[in-house]
Amino acid sequence: EPIIEHALDRISAAHPWYRTLAEPARKQIA
């Protein structure tokens, strides 16, 4: 679980396109 949470945080920080997605799309990627 910690690895998953850290991976999602890293994805959000490293990929600006991820932060611009709509909430449903981000949930699907998560």
PDB file of all heavy atoms in Angstrom:
ATOM      1  N   GLU A   1       0.816  -1.219   0.000  1.00  0.00           N
ATOM      2  CA  GLU A   1       0.000   0.000   0.000  1.00  0.00           C
ATOM      3  C   GLU A   1       0.851   1.271   0.000  1.00  0.00           C
ATOM      4  O   GLU A   1       0.590   2.197  -0.768  1.00  0.00           O
ATOM      5  CB  GLU A   1      -0.977  -0.005   1.168  1.00  0.00           C
ATOM      6  CG  GLU A   1      -2.180  -0.908   0.971  1.00  0.00           C
ATOM      7  CD  GLU A   1      -2.981  -0.546  -0.266  1.00  0.00           C
ATOM      8  OE1 GLU A   1      -3.193   0.664  -0.507  1.00  0.00           O
ATOM      9  OE2 GLU A   1      -3.382  -1.459  -1.008  1.00  0.00           O
ATOM     10  N   PRO A   2       1.879   1.378   0.854  1.00  0.00           N
ATOM     11  CA  PRO A   2       2.730   2.574   0.791  1.00  0.00           C
ATOM     12  C   PRO A   2       3.387   2.754  -0.579  1.00  0.00           C
ATOM     13  O   PRO A   2       3.514   3.881  -1.067  1.00  0.00           O
ATOM     14  CB  PRO A   2       3.766   2.332   1.888  1.00  0.00           C
ATOM     15  CG  PRO A   2       3.100   1.418   2.847  1.00  0.00           C
ATOM     16  CD  PRO A   2       2.245   0.528   2.009  1.00  0.00           C
ATOM     17  N   ILE A   3       3.830   1.646  -1.167  1.00  0.00           N
ATOM     18  CA  ILE A   3       4.460   1.739  -2.495  1.00  0.00           C
ATOM     19  C   ILE A   3       3.466   2.285  -3.516  1.00  0.00           C
ATOM     20  O   ILE A   3       3.807   3.134  -4.350  1.00  0.00           O
ATOM     21  CB  ILE A   3       4.994   0.349  -2.924  1.00  0.00           C
ATOM     22  CG1 ILE A   3       6.202  -0.040  -2.083  1.00  0.00           C
ATOM     23  CG2 ILE A   3       5.370   0.364  -4.408  1.00  0.00           C
ATOM     24  CD1 ILE A   3       6.723  -1.444  -2.346  1.00  0.00           C
ATOM     25  N   ILE A   4       2.219   1.815  -3.447  1.00  0.00           N
ATOM     26  CA  ILE A   4       1.193   2.303  -4.375  1.00  0.00           C
ATOM     27  C   ILE A   4       0.983   3.803  -4.211  1.00  0.00           C
ATOM     28  O   ILE A   4       0.946   4.562  -5.187  1.00  0.00           O
ATOM     29  CB  ILE A   4      -0.138   1.538  -4.148  1.00  0.00           C
ATOM     30  CG1 ILE A   4      -0.005   0.080  -4.598  1.00  0.00           C
ATOM     31  CG2 ILE A   4      -1.284   2.230  -4.903  1.00  0.00           C
ATOM     32  CD1 ILE A   4      -1.206  -0.784  -4.249  1.00  0.00           C
ATOM     33  N   GLU A   5       0.845   4.250  -2.966  1.00  0.00           N
ATOM     34  CA  GLU A   5       0.604   5.677  -2.706  1.00  0.00           C
ATOM     35  C   GLU A   5       1.792   6.523  -3.169  1.00  0.00           C
ATOM     36  O   GLU A   5       1.616   7.591  -3.770  1.00  0.00           O
ATOM     37  CB  GLU A   5       0.335   5.906  -1.223  1.00  0.00           C
ATOM     38  CG  GLU A   5      -0.955   5.257  -0.725  1.00  0.00           C
ATOM     39  CD  GLU A   5      -2.183   5.708  -1.502  1.00  0.00           C
ATOM     40  OE1 GLU A   5      -2.250   6.910  -1.877  1.00  0.00           O
ATOM     41  OE2 GLU A   5      -3.065   4.863  -1.744  1.00  0.00           O
ATOM     42  N   HIS A   6       3.001   6.051  -2.907  1.00  0.00           N
ATOM     43  CA  HIS A   6       4.181   6.792  -3.347  1.00  0.00           C
ATOM     44  C   HIS A   6       4.290   6.820  -4.872  1.00  0.00           C
ATOM     45  O   HIS A   6       4.711   7.830  -5.450  1.00  0.00           O
ATOM     46  CB  HIS A   6       5.438   6.164  -2.737  1.00  0.00           C
ATOM     47  CG  HIS A   6       5.500   6.282  -1.253  1.00  0.00           C
ATOM     48  ND1 HIS A   6       6.317   5.500  -0.462  1.00  0.00           N
ATOM     49  CD2 HIS A   6       4.817   7.090  -0.382  1.00  0.00           C
ATOM     50  CE1 HIS A   6       6.148   5.815   0.806  1.00  0.00           C
ATOM     51  NE2 HIS A   6       5.226   6.778   0.879  1.00  0.00           N
ATOM     52  N   ALA A   7       3.912   5.735  -5.528  1.00  0.00           N
ATOM     53  CA  ALA A   7       3.950   5.688  -6.987  1.00  0.00           C
ATOM     54  C   ALA A   7       2.963   6.693  -7.585  1.00  0.00           C
ATOM     55  O   ALA A   7       3.289   7.402  -8.554  1.00  0.00           O
ATOM     56  CB  ALA A   7       3.630   4.283  -7.476  1.00  0.00           C
ATOM     57  N   LEU A   8       1.775   6.779  -7.015  1.00  0.00           N
ATOM     58  CA  LEU A   8       0.779   7.740  -7.506  1.00  0.00           C
ATOM     59  C   LEU A   8       1.250   9.176  -7.279  1.00  0.00           C
ATOM     60  O   LEU A   8       1.048  10.044  -8.141  1.00  0.00           O
ATOM     61  CB  LEU A   8      -0.565   7.503  -6.816  1.00  0.00           C
ATOM     62  CG  LEU A   8      -1.290   6.198  -7.195  1.00  0.00           C
ATOM     63  CD1 LEU A   8      -2.539   6.014  -6.337  1.00  0.00           C
ATOM     64  CD2 LEU A   8      -1.669   6.212  -8.671  1.00  0.00           C
ATOM     65  N   ASP A   9       1.867   9.418  -6.133  1.00  0.00           N
ATOM     66  CA  ASP A   9       2.405  10.758  -5.875  1.00  0.00           C
ATOM     67  C   ASP A   9       3.494  11.103  -6.887  1.00  0.00           C
ATOM     68  O   ASP A   9       3.554  12.238  -7.387  1.00  0.00           O
ATOM     69  CB  ASP A   9       2.980  10.834  -4.449  1.00  0.00           C
ATOM     70  CG  ASP A   9       1.894  10.770  -3.385  1.00  0.00           C
ATOM     71  OD1 ASP A   9       0.718  11.005  -3.722  1.00  0.00           O
ATOM     72  OD2 ASP A   9       2.232  10.455  -2.214  1.00  0.00           O
ATOM     73  N   ARG A  10       4.364  10.138  -7.197  1.00  0.00           N
ATOM     74  CA  ARG A  10       5.440  10.380  -8.152  1.00  0.00           C
ATOM     75  C   ARG A  10       4.877  10.626  -9.557  1.00  0.00           C
ATOM     76  O   ARG A  10       5.374  11.486 -10.283  1.00  0.00           O
ATOM     77  CB  ARG A  10       6.378   9.175  -8.168  1.00  0.00           C
ATOM     78  CG  ARG A  10       7.580   9.303  -9.115  1.00  0.00           C
ATOM     79  CD  ARG A  10       8.688  10.105  -8.515  1.00  0.00           C
ATOM     80  NE  ARG A  10       9.225   9.476  -7.317  1.00  0.00           N
ATOM     81  CZ  ARG A  10      10.191   8.529  -7.325  1.00  0.00           C
ATOM     82  NH1 ARG A  10      10.716   8.125  -8.477  1.00  0.00           N
ATOM     83  NH2 ARG A  10      10.633   8.032  -6.190  1.00  0.00           N
ATOM     84  N   ILE A  11       3.851   9.879  -9.931  1.00  0.00           N
ATOM     85  CA  ILE A  11       3.226  10.077 -11.246  1.00  0.00           C
ATOM     86  C   ILE A  11       2.661  11.487 -11.360  1.00  0.00           C
ATOM     87  O   ILE A  11       2.846  12.180 -12.360  1.00  0.00           O
ATOM     88  CB  ILE A  11       2.118   9.023 -11.485  1.00  0.00           C
ATOM     89  CG1 ILE A  11       2.739   7.638 -11.704  1.00  0.00           C
ATOM     90  CG2 ILE A  11       1.237   9.413 -12.680  1.00  0.00           C
ATOM     91  CD1 ILE A  11       1.730   6.505 -11.726  1.00  0.00           C
ATOM     92  N   SER A  12       1.981  11.934 -10.304  1.00  0.00           N
ATOM     93  CA  SER A  12       1.386  13.272 -10.318  1.00  0.00           C
ATOM     94  C   SER A  12       2.459  14.350 -10.403  1.00  0.00           C
ATOM     95  O   SER A  12       2.301  15.350 -11.112  1.00  0.00           O
ATOM     96  CB  SER A  12       0.536  13.469  -9.064  1.00  0.00           C
ATOM     97  OG  SER A  12      -0.030  14.766  -9.039  1.00  0.00           O
ATOM     98  N   ALA A  13       3.570  14.130  -9.700  1.00  0.00           N
ATOM     99  CA  ALA A  13       4.636  15.142  -9.681  1.00  0.00           C
ATOM    100  C   ALA A  13       5.435  15.146 -10.977  1.00  0.00           C
ATOM    101  O   ALA A  13       5.864  16.210 -11.456  1.00  0.00           O
ATOM    102  CB  ALA A  13       5.562  14.891  -8.500  1.00  0.00           C
ATOM    103  N   ALA A  14       5.632  13.973 -11.585  1.00  0.00           N
ATOM    104  CA  ALA A  14       6.526  13.858 -12.740  1.00  0.00           C
ATOM    105  C   ALA A  14       5.843  14.116 -14.072  1.00  0.00           C
ATOM    106  O   ALA A  14       6.520  14.402 -15.068  1.00  0.00           O
ATOM    107  CB  ALA A  14       7.165  12.464 -12.753  1.00  0.00           C
ATOM    108  N   HIS A  15       4.506  14.037 -14.115  1.00  0.00           N
ATOM    109  CA  HIS A  15       3.801  14.140 -15.391  1.00  0.00           C
ATOM    110  C   HIS A  15       2.731  15.242 -15.313  1.00  0.00           C
ATOM    111  O   HIS A  15       1.626  14.999 -14.799  1.00  0.00           O
ATOM    112  CB  HIS A  15       3.154  12.803 -15.751  1.00  0.00           C
ATOM    113  CG  HIS A  15       4.141  11.679 -15.831  1.00  0.00           C
ATOM    114  ND1 HIS A  15       5.031  11.534 -16.884  1.00  0.00           N
ATOM    115  CD2 HIS A  15       4.406  10.660 -14.970  1.00  0.00           C
ATOM    116  CE1 HIS A  15       5.781  10.468 -16.685  1.00  0.00           C
ATOM    117  NE2 HIS A  15       5.426   9.919 -15.524  1.00  0.00           N
ATOM    118  N   PRO A  16       3.029  16.426 -15.830  1.00  0.00           N
ATOM    119  CA  PRO A  16       2.049  17.533 -15.775  1.00  0.00           C
ATOM    120  C   PRO A  16       0.720  17.189 -16.433  1.00  0.00           C
ATOM    121  O   PRO A  16      -0.334  17.666 -16.000  1.00  0.00           O
ATOM    122  CB  PRO A  16       2.770  18.661 -16.525  1.00  0.00           C
ATOM    123  CG  PRO A  16       4.224  18.335 -16.398  1.00  0.00           C
ATOM    124  CD  PRO A  16       4.308  16.843 -16.409  1.00  0.00           C
ATOM    125  N   TRP A  17       0.755  16.378 -17.497  1.00  0.00           N
ATOM    126  CA  TRP A  17      -0.487  16.023 -18.184  1.00  0.00           C
ATOM    127  C   TRP A  17      -1.459  15.305 -17.244  1.00  0.00           C
ATOM    128  O   TRP A  17      -2.682  15.418 -17.406  1.00  0.00           O
ATOM    129  CB  TRP A  17      -0.203  15.150 -19.408  1.00  0.00           C
ATOM    130  CG  TRP A  17       0.550  13.881 -19.126  1.00  0.00           C
ATOM    131  CD1 TRP A  17       1.888  13.679 -19.235  1.00  0.00           C
ATOM    132  CD2 TRP A  17       0.002  12.630 -18.671  1.00  0.00           C
ATOM    133  NE1 TRP A  17       2.218  12.393 -18.873  1.00  0.00           N
ATOM    134  CE2 TRP A  17       1.073  11.717 -18.531  1.00  0.00           C
ATOM    135  CE3 TRP A  17      -1.285  12.191 -18.369  1.00  0.00           C
ATOM    136  CZ2 TRP A  17       0.891  10.413 -18.101  1.00  0.00           C
ATOM    137  CZ3 TRP A  17      -1.469  10.879 -17.940  1.00  0.00           C
ATOM    138  CH2 TRP A  17      -0.384  10.010 -17.819  1.00  0.00           C
ATOM    139  N   TYR A  18      -0.913  14.543 -16.295  1.00  0.00           N
ATOM    140  CA  TYR A  18      -1.762  13.804 -15.357  1.00  0.00           C
ATOM    141  C   TYR A  18      -2.598  14.762 -14.516  1.00  0.00           C
ATOM    142  O   TYR A  18      -3.784  14.517 -14.264  1.00  0.00           O
ATOM    143  CB  TYR A  18      -0.885  12.921 -14.470  1.00  0.00           C
ATOM    144  CG  TYR A  18      -1.633  12.153 -13.403  1.00  0.00           C
ATOM    145  CD1 TYR A  18      -2.259  10.951 -13.707  1.00  0.00           C
ATOM    146  CD2 TYR A  18      -1.704  12.630 -12.100  1.00  0.00           C
ATOM    147  CE1 TYR A  18      -2.948  10.242 -12.727  1.00  0.00           C
ATOM    148  CE2 TYR A  18      -2.383  11.926 -11.114  1.00  0.00           C
ATOM    149  CZ  TYR A  18      -3.011  10.731 -11.440  1.00  0.00           C
ATOM    150  OH  TYR A  18      -3.696  10.031 -10.475  1.00  0.00           O
ATOM    151  N   ARG A  19      -1.986  15.857 -14.107  1.00  0.00           N
ATOM    152  CA  ARG A  19      -2.693  16.815 -13.240  1.00  0.00           C
ATOM    153  C   ARG A  19      -3.786  17.569 -13.982  1.00  0.00           C
ATOM    154  O   ARG A  19      -4.690  18.128 -13.354  1.00  0.00           O
ATOM    155  CB  ARG A  19      -1.682  17.802 -12.642  1.00  0.00           C
ATOM    156  CG  ARG A  19      -0.634  17.132 -11.769  1.00  0.00           C
ATOM    157  CD  ARG A  19       0.178  18.150 -10.974  1.00  0.00           C
ATOM    158  NE  ARG A  19       0.951  19.034 -11.826  1.00  0.00           N
ATOM    159  CZ  ARG A  19       2.174  18.767 -12.283  1.00  0.00           C
ATOM    160  NH1 ARG A  19       2.752  17.601 -11.969  1.00  0.00           N
ATOM    161  NH2 ARG A  19       2.824  19.634 -13.033  1.00  0.00           N
ATOM    162  N   THR A  20      -3.713  17.606 -15.315  1.00  0.00           N
ATOM    163  CA  THR A  20      -4.727  18.319 -16.100  1.00  0.00           C
ATOM    164  C   THR A  20      -5.927  17.446 -16.448  1.00  0.00           C
ATOM    165  O   THR A  20      -6.910  17.944 -16.995  1.00  0.00           O
ATOM    166  CB  THR A  20      -4.114  18.867 -17.400  1.00  0.00           C
ATOM    167  OG1 THR A  20      -3.714  17.773 -18.229  1.00  0.00           O
ATOM    168  CG2 THR A  20      -2.914  19.755 -17.109  1.00  0.00           C
ATOM    169  N   LEU A  21      -5.842  16.154 -16.151  1.00  0.00           N
ATOM    170  CA  LEU A  21      -6.945  15.251 -16.478  1.00  0.00           C
ATOM    171  C   LEU A  21      -8.146  15.496 -15.573  1.00  0.00           C
ATOM    172  O   LEU A  21      -8.010  15.958 -14.439  1.00  0.00           O
ATOM    173  CB  LEU A  21      -6.500  13.794 -16.346  1.00  0.00           C
ATOM    174  CG  LEU A  21      -5.433  13.285 -17.321  1.00  0.00           C
ATOM    175  CD1 LEU A  21      -5.043  11.862 -16.961  1.00  0.00           C
ATOM    176  CD2 LEU A  21      -5.942  13.350 -18.759  1.00  0.00           C
ATOM    177  N   ALA A  22      -9.318  15.139 -16.092  1.00  0.00           N
ATOM    178  CA  ALA A  22     -10.525  15.201 -15.269  1.00  0.00           C
ATOM    179  C   ALA A  22     -10.427  14.160 -14.150  1.00  0.00           C
ATOM    180  O   ALA A  22      -9.718  13.151 -14.269  1.00  0.00           O
ATOM    181  CB  ALA A  22     -11.759  14.945 -16.129  1.00  0.00           C
ATOM    182  N   GLU A  23     -11.155  14.399 -13.086  1.00  0.00           N
ATOM    183  CA  GLU A  23     -11.100  13.525 -11.913  1.00  0.00           C
ATOM    184  C   GLU A  23     -11.409  12.062 -12.244  1.00  0.00           C
ATOM    185  O   GLU A  23     -10.688  11.155 -11.781  1.00  0.00           O
ATOM    186  CB  GLU A  23     -12.066  14.030 -10.831  1.00  0.00           C
ATOM    187  CG  GLU A  23     -12.035  13.222  -9.540  1.00  0.00           C
ATOM    188  CD  GLU A  23     -10.685  13.307  -8.829  1.00  0.00           C
ATOM    189  OE1 GLU A  23      -9.933  14.272  -9.074  1.00  0.00           O
ATOM    190  OE2 GLU A  23     -10.392  12.387  -8.030  1.00  0.00           O
ATOM    191  N   PRO A  24     -12.440  11.775 -13.076  1.00  0.00           N
ATOM    192  CA  PRO A  24     -12.704  10.361 -13.406  1.00  0.00           C
ATOM    193  C   PRO A  24     -11.524   9.690 -14.089  1.00  0.00           C
ATOM    194  O   PRO A  24     -11.218   8.523 -13.804  1.00  0.00           O
ATOM    195  CB  PRO A  24     -13.926  10.449 -14.336  1.00  0.00           C
ATOM    196  CG  PRO A  24     -14.591  11.730 -13.972  1.00  0.00           C
ATOM    197  CD  PRO A  24     -13.484  12.666 -13.619  1.00  0.00           C
ATOM    198  N   ALA A  25     -10.843  10.407 -14.986  1.00  0.00           N
ATOM    199  CA  ALA A  25      -9.699   9.822 -15.683  1.00  0.00           C
ATOM    200  C   ALA A  25      -8.546   9.551 -14.722  1.00  0.00           C
ATOM    201  O   ALA A  25      -7.877   8.516 -14.804  1.00  0.00           O
ATOM    202  CB  ALA A  25      -9.245  10.744 -16.821  1.00  0.00           C
ATOM    203  N   ARG A  26      -8.314  10.472 -13.787  1.00  0.00           N
ATOM    204  CA  ARG A  26      -7.243  10.259 -12.807  1.00  0.00           C
ATOM    205  C   ARG A  26      -7.548   9.043 -11.922  1.00  0.00           C
ATOM    206  O   ARG A  26      -6.648   8.268 -11.585  1.00  0.00           O
ATOM    207  CB  ARG A  26      -7.049  11.511 -11.945  1.00  0.00           C
ATOM    208  CG  ARG A  26      -6.414  12.669 -12.683  1.00  0.00           C
ATOM    209  CD  ARG A  26      -5.758  13.653 -11.720  1.00  0.00           C
ATOM    210  NE  ARG A  26      -6.683  14.185 -10.729  1.00  0.00           N
ATOM    211  CZ  ARG A  26      -7.462  15.241 -10.911  1.00  0.00           C
ATOM    212  NH1 ARG A  26      -7.420  15.881 -12.088  1.00  0.00           N
ATOM    213  NH2 ARG A  26      -8.281  15.665  -9.975  1.00  0.00           N
ATOM    214  N   LYS A  27      -8.816   8.887 -11.571  1.00  0.00           N
ATOM    215  CA  LYS A  27      -9.201   7.726 -10.751  1.00  0.00           C
ATOM    216  C   LYS A  27      -8.985   6.417 -11.513  1.00  0.00           C
ATOM    217  O   LYS A  27      -8.561   5.417 -10.928  1.00  0.00           O
ATOM    218  CB  LYS A  27     -10.663   7.844 -10.327  1.00  0.00           C
ATOM    219  CG  LYS A  27     -10.904   8.909  -9.254  1.00  0.00           C
ATOM    220  CD  LYS A  27     -12.365   8.929  -8.828  1.00  0.00           C
ATOM    221  CE  LYS A  27     -12.585   9.936  -7.698  1.00  0.00           C
ATOM    222  NZ  LYS A  27     -14.009  10.002  -7.290  1.00  0.00           N
ATOM    223  N   GLN A  28      -9.280   6.448 -12.809  1.00  0.00           N
ATOM    224  CA  GLN A  28      -9.071   5.247 -13.619  1.00  0.00           C
ATOM    225  C   GLN A  28      -7.590   4.894 -13.713  1.00  0.00           C
ATOM    226  O   GLN A  28      -7.205   3.725 -13.622  1.00  0.00           O
ATOM    227  CB  GLN A  28      -9.667   5.454 -15.013  1.00  0.00           C
ATOM    228  CG  GLN A  28     -11.189   5.505 -15.021  1.00  0.00           C
ATOM    229  CD  GLN A  28     -11.755   6.128 -16.284  1.00  0.00           C
ATOM    230  OE1 GLN A  28     -11.019   6.589 -17.147  1.00  0.00           O
ATOM    231  NE2 GLN A  28     -13.074   6.151 -16.389  1.00  0.00           N
ATOM    232  N   ILE A  29      -6.747   5.913 -13.895  1.00  0.00           N
ATOM    233  CA  ILE A  29      -5.305   5.673 -13.966  1.00  0.00           C
ATOM    234  C   ILE A  29      -4.786   5.179 -12.616  1.00  0.00           C
ATOM    235  O   ILE A  29      -3.947   4.267 -12.543  1.00  0.00           O
ATOM    236  CB  ILE A  29      -4.570   6.959 -14.401  1.00  0.00           C
ATOM    237  CG1 ILE A  29      -4.914   7.280 -15.855  1.00  0.00           C
ATOM    238  CG2 ILE A  29      -3.056   6.810 -14.225  1.00  0.00           C
ATOM    239  CD1 ILE A  29      -4.360   8.597 -16.339  1.00  0.00           C
ATOM    240  N   ALA A  30      -5.297   5.766 -11.534  1.00  0.00           N
ATOM    241  CA  ALA A  30      -4.895   5.314 -10.193  1.00  0.00           C
ATOM    242  C   ALA A  30      -5.283   3.851  -9.994  1.00  0.00           C
ATOM    243  O   ALA A  30      -4.521   3.068  -9.403  1.00  0.00           O
ATOM    244  CB  ALA A  30      -5.541   6.191  -9.126  1.00  0.00           C
TER     245      ALA A  30
END
